[in-house]
Structure formats: C-alpha cells, structure tokens
C-alpha atoms as a PDB file:
ATOM      1  CA  MET A   1     -43.865   0.192 -56.381  1.00  0.00           C
ATOM      2  CA  LYS A   2     -47.214   0.610 -58.116  1.00  0.00           C
ATOM      3  CA  ARG A   3     -50.185  -0.507 -56.061  1.00  0.00           C
ATOM      4  CA  GLY A   4     -53.756  -0.405 -57.351  1.00  0.00           C
ATOM      5  CA  GLY A   5     -52.886   2.191 -59.988  1.00  0.00           C
ATOM      6  CA  TRP A   6     -50.973   4.343 -57.488  1.00  0.00           C
ATOM      7  CA  HIS A   7     -47.228   4.758 -57.259  1.00  0.00           C
ATOM      8  CA  MET A   8     -45.835   4.458 -53.727  1.00  0.00           C
ATOM      9  CA  LEU A   9     -42.356   5.974 -53.737  1.00  0.00           C
ATOM     10  CA  ARG A  10     -40.352   5.234 -50.605  1.00  0.00           C
ATOM     11  CA  GLU A  11     -37.200   7.114 -49.751  1.00  0.00           C
ATOM     12  CA  LYS A  12     -35.367   7.310 -46.453  1.00  0.00           C
ATOM     13  CA  GLY A  13     -37.848   8.861 -44.011  1.00  0.00           C
ATOM     14  CA  ALA A  14     -40.423   9.726 -46.694  1.00  0.00           C
ATOM     15  CA  LEU A  15     -43.270   8.238 -48.696  1.00  0.00           C
ATOM     16  CA  THR A  16     -44.945   9.743 -51.761  1.00  0.00           C
ATOM     17  CA  MET A  17     -48.251   8.534 -53.201  1.00  0.00           C
ATOM     18  CA  ALA A  18     -48.987   9.628 -56.773  1.00  0.00           C
ATOM     19  CA  ARG A  19     -51.073   8.496 -59.719  1.00  0.00           C
ATOM     20  CA  GLN A  20     -48.597   9.710 -62.339  1.00  0.00           C
ATOM     21  CA  LEU A  21     -44.831   9.923 -62.575  1.00  0.00           C
ATOM     22  CA  PRO A  22     -42.846  12.059 -62.457  1.00  0.00           C
ATOM     23  CA  VAL A  23     -44.381  13.567 -59.323  1.00  0.00           C
ATOM     24  CA  ARG A  24     -45.428  17.164 -59.881  1.00  0.00           C
ATOM     25  CA  PHE A  25     -46.943  19.696 -57.476  1.00  0.00           C
ATOM     26  CA  ASP A  26     -48.750  22.360 -59.528  1.00  0.00           C
ATOM     27  CA  LEU A  27     -50.606  23.216 -56.327  1.00  0.00           C
ATOM     28  CA  CYS A  28     -49.904  22.219 -52.741  1.00  0.00           C
ATOM     29  CA  ALA A  29     -50.127  22.970 -49.047  1.00  0.00           C
ATOM     30  CA  SER A  30     -48.389  21.387 -46.080  1.00  0.00           C
ATOM     31  CA  ALA A  31     -49.000  20.712 -42.406  1.00  0.00           C
ATOM     32  CA  ALA A  32     -47.308  19.039 -39.440  1.00  0.00           C
ATOM     33  CA  PHE A  33     -48.661  15.790 -37.965  1.00  0.00           C
ATOM     34  CA  PRO A  34     -47.712  13.602 -35.004  1.00  0.00           C
ATOM     35  CA  PRO A  35     -45.993  10.246 -35.661  1.00  0.00           C
ATOM     36  CA  ALA A  36     -48.193   7.759 -37.551  1.00  0.00           C
ATOM     37  CA  SER A  37     -48.066   5.242 -40.377  1.00  0.00           C
ATOM     38  CA  LYS A  38     -46.895   7.213 -43.410  1.00  0.00           C
ATOM     39  CA  GLY A  39     -48.686   4.964 -45.903  1.00  0.00           C
ATOM     40  CA  ARG A  40     -51.998   4.935 -44.086  1.00  0.00           C
ATOM     41  CA  LEU A  41     -51.904   8.685 -43.477  1.00  0.00           C
ATOM     42  CA  ALA A  42     -51.076   9.390 -47.143  1.00  0.00           C
ATOM     43  CA  LEU A  43     -53.934   7.152 -48.282  1.00  0.00           C
ATOM     44  CA  GLN A  44     -56.505   8.840 -46.030  1.00  0.00           C
ATOM     45  CA  ILE A  45     -55.422  12.339 -47.056  1.00  0.00           C
ATOM     46  CA  ARG A  46     -55.295  11.407 -50.749  1.00  0.00           C
ATOM     47  CA  GLN A  47     -58.873  10.110 -50.625  1.00  0.00           C
ATOM     48  CA  ASP A  48     -60.259  13.287 -49.046  1.00  0.00           C
ATOM     49  CA  LEU A  49     -58.133  15.494 -51.300  1.00  0.00           C
ATOM     50  CA  TRP A  50     -59.589  13.740 -54.349  1.00  0.00           C
ATOM     51  CA  ARG A  51     -63.145  14.050 -53.021  1.00  0.00           C
ATOM     52  CA  MET A  52     -62.630  17.768 -52.517  1.00  0.00           C
ATOM     53  CA  LEU A  53     -60.975  18.555 -55.876  1.00  0.00           C
ATOM     54  CA  GLN A  54     -62.429  15.913 -58.203  1.00  0.00           C
ATOM     55  CA  ASP A  55     -64.270  18.597 -60.193  1.00  0.00           C
ATOM     56  CA  LEU A  56     -60.946  20.264 -61.041  1.00  0.00           C
ATOM     57  CA  ARG A  57     -60.426  19.078 -64.613  1.00  0.00           C
ATOM     58  CA  GLY A  58     -57.338  16.935 -65.061  1.00  0.00           C
ATOM     59  CA  PHE A  59     -56.465  16.920 -61.349  1.00  0.00           C
ATOM     60  CA  SER A  60     -54.226  14.094 -60.140  1.00  0.00           C
ATOM     61  CA  PRO A  61     -53.488  14.052 -56.378  1.00  0.00           C
ATOM     62  CA  VAL A  62     -50.025  13.687 -54.861  1.00  0.00           C
ATOM     63  CA  VAL A  63     -49.300  13.290 -51.142  1.00  0.00           C
ATOM     64  CA  THR A  64     -45.827  13.224 -49.599  1.00  0.00           C
ATOM     65  CA  VAL A  65     -45.308  12.309 -45.935  1.00  0.00           C
ATOM     66  CA  GLU A  66     -41.834  12.995 -44.521  1.00  0.00           C
ATOM     67  CA  GLU A  67     -40.336  12.512 -41.086  1.00  0.00           C
ATOM     68  CA  GLU A  68     -39.694  15.882 -39.463  1.00  0.00           C
ATOM     69  CA  GLY A  69     -38.316  16.141 -35.945  1.00  0.00           C
ATOM     70  CA  GLN A  70     -40.521  14.045 -33.660  1.00  0.00           C
ATOM     71  CA  GLY A  71     -43.426  13.978 -36.128  1.00  0.00           C
ATOM     72  CA  LEU A  72     -44.333  14.149 -39.786  1.00  0.00           C
ATOM     73  CA  ARG A  73     -44.672  16.836 -42.457  1.00  0.00           C
ATOM     74  CA  VAL A  74     -47.420  16.250 -45.037  1.00  0.00           C
ATOM     75  CA  ARG A  75     -47.343  17.971 -48.407  1.00  0.00           C
ATOM     76  CA  ALA A  76     -50.601  17.493 -50.315  1.00  0.00           C
ATOM     77  CA  GLY A  77     -51.628  18.729 -53.728  1.00  0.00           C
ATOM     78  CA  GLY A  78     -50.941  17.465 -57.192  1.00  0.00           C
ATOM     79  CA  ARG A  79     -50.948  18.214 -60.852  1.00  0.00           C
ATOM     80  CA  ALA A  80     -53.626  19.839 -62.976  1.00  0.00           C
ATOM     81  CA  ALA A  81     -53.873  19.392 -66.737  1.00  0.00           C
ATOM     82  CA  VAL A  82     -55.506  22.762 -67.421  1.00  0.00           C
ATOM     83  CA  PRO A  83     -55.390  26.272 -65.918  1.00  0.00           C
ATOM     84  CA  PHE A  84     -57.048  26.431 -62.500  1.00  0.00           C
ATOM     85  CA  PRO A  85     -57.650  28.903 -59.629  1.00  0.00           C
ATOM     86  CA  ARG A  86     -54.383  28.158 -57.763  1.00  0.00           C
ATOM     87  CA  ALA A  87     -54.904  30.392 -54.712  1.00  0.00           C
ATOM     88  CA  ASP A  88     -58.437  29.101 -54.118  1.00  0.00           C
ATOM     89  CA  CYS A  89     -57.394  25.451 -54.488  1.00  0.00           C
ATOM     90  CA  GLU A  90     -54.378  25.859 -52.198  1.00  0.00           C
ATOM     91  CA  ARG A  91     -56.599  27.528 -49.573  1.00  0.00           C
ATOM     92  CA  LYS A  92     -58.958  24.542 -49.736  1.00  0.00           C
ATOM     93  CA  ILE A  93     -56.075  22.084 -49.353  1.00  0.00           C
ATOM     94  CA  ALA A  94     -54.655  24.019 -46.389  1.00  0.00           C
ATOM     95  CA  ALA A  95     -58.109  24.058 -44.759  1.00  0.00           C
ATOM     96  CA  LEU A  96     -58.442  20.303 -45.308  1.00  0.00           C
ATOM     97  CA  LEU A  97     -55.029  19.595 -43.751  1.00  0.00           C
ATOM     98  CA  THR A  98     -55.862  21.665 -40.664  1.00  0.00           C
ATOM     99  CA  SER A  99     -59.468  20.471 -40.246  1.00  0.00           C
ATOM    100  CA  PRO A 100     -59.717  19.008 -36.704  1.00  0.00           C
ATOM    101  CA  SER A 101     -62.349  16.422 -37.697  1.00  0.00           C
ATOM    102  CA  HIS A 102     -60.376  15.204 -40.721  1.00  0.00           C
ATOM    103  CA  ARG A 103     -57.107  15.077 -38.777  1.00  0.00           C
ATOM    104  CA  ALA A 104     -58.731  13.066 -35.973  1.00  0.00           C
ATOM    105  CA  ARG A 105     -60.144  10.536 -38.457  1.00  0.00           C
ATOM    106  CA  TRP A 106     -56.892  10.276 -40.440  1.00  0.00           C
ATOM    107  CA  LEU A 107     -54.797   9.753 -37.319  1.00  0.00           C
ATOM    108  CA  ALA A 108     -57.241   7.183 -35.943  1.00  0.00           C
ATOM    109  CA  GLN A 109     -56.888   5.230 -39.205  1.00  0.00           C
ATOM    110  CA  ALA A 110     -53.116   5.723 -39.428  1.00  0.00           C
ATOM    111  CA  GLY A 111     -52.446   4.711 -35.831  1.00  0.00           C
ATOM    112  CA  SER A 112     -50.247   6.564 -33.393  1.00  0.00           C
ATOM    113  CA  GLU A 113     -47.113   4.477 -33.807  1.00  0.00           C
ATOM    114  CA  PRO A 114     -44.761   5.235 -36.685  1.00  0.00           C
ATOM    115  CA  ARG A 115     -44.916   2.661 -39.466  1.00  0.00           C
ATOM    116  CA  THR A 116     -44.274   2.910 -43.183  1.00  0.00           C
END
C-alpha cells in the first residue's frame, strides 16, 4: 500500500517502508528493539535517517522492521543514486540506531505494545 508517497510493504511479521520499489539497500545497519508498533517505529526511524543523510545525493531511505524472538529487528538504510562513502554512512546509521536519546523518543512514539 502506498501512503503519502511511501510504500508500506507488509509481510508476515515484517513491515518495510520505502519511497521507491523495488526495495534496495545500498547501505544499511541493523539493531534490536523491544516490542512496539512496527509502523510507528519505522516512521520515526525513517524521519531521523532522512534528516541525517539528506545531503547524500540521490539518497532514498528504506526501513524494515521484523519480529525477532521477543522483540524486533530494525534494518535501516536505503538506496543512493551516485557513489557515496559507504563505510562512513553505515557508521552514522549504526550510531543513530543505537543512540539512547533517539531510541527513547522512537519507542515513546511507537508505544510498548506490539502493533502493526
């Protein structure tokens, strides 16, 4: 389903938010999260990911949230239209996903009960 220019792909136990299809991860990082609303969590992460990498020419964010054990696994990154410093960008994404202040805000917005 496309919502506000964003594709929300729902599969059993997973949700992917992407601007363009097919989904492509030219760069990415992942992190574990406690149970929360997959859609709300993906939206919050996508917004901060875009704010952080909006100067990367041709960047289009992608966020996948999958159920994993008793929690969630988030894979964030996206596609880039031109060559880019992959290692530096992936370090930034990993730092964003593990930032205590960002995680606290995202989880407050996404709620603590699992929803889609």
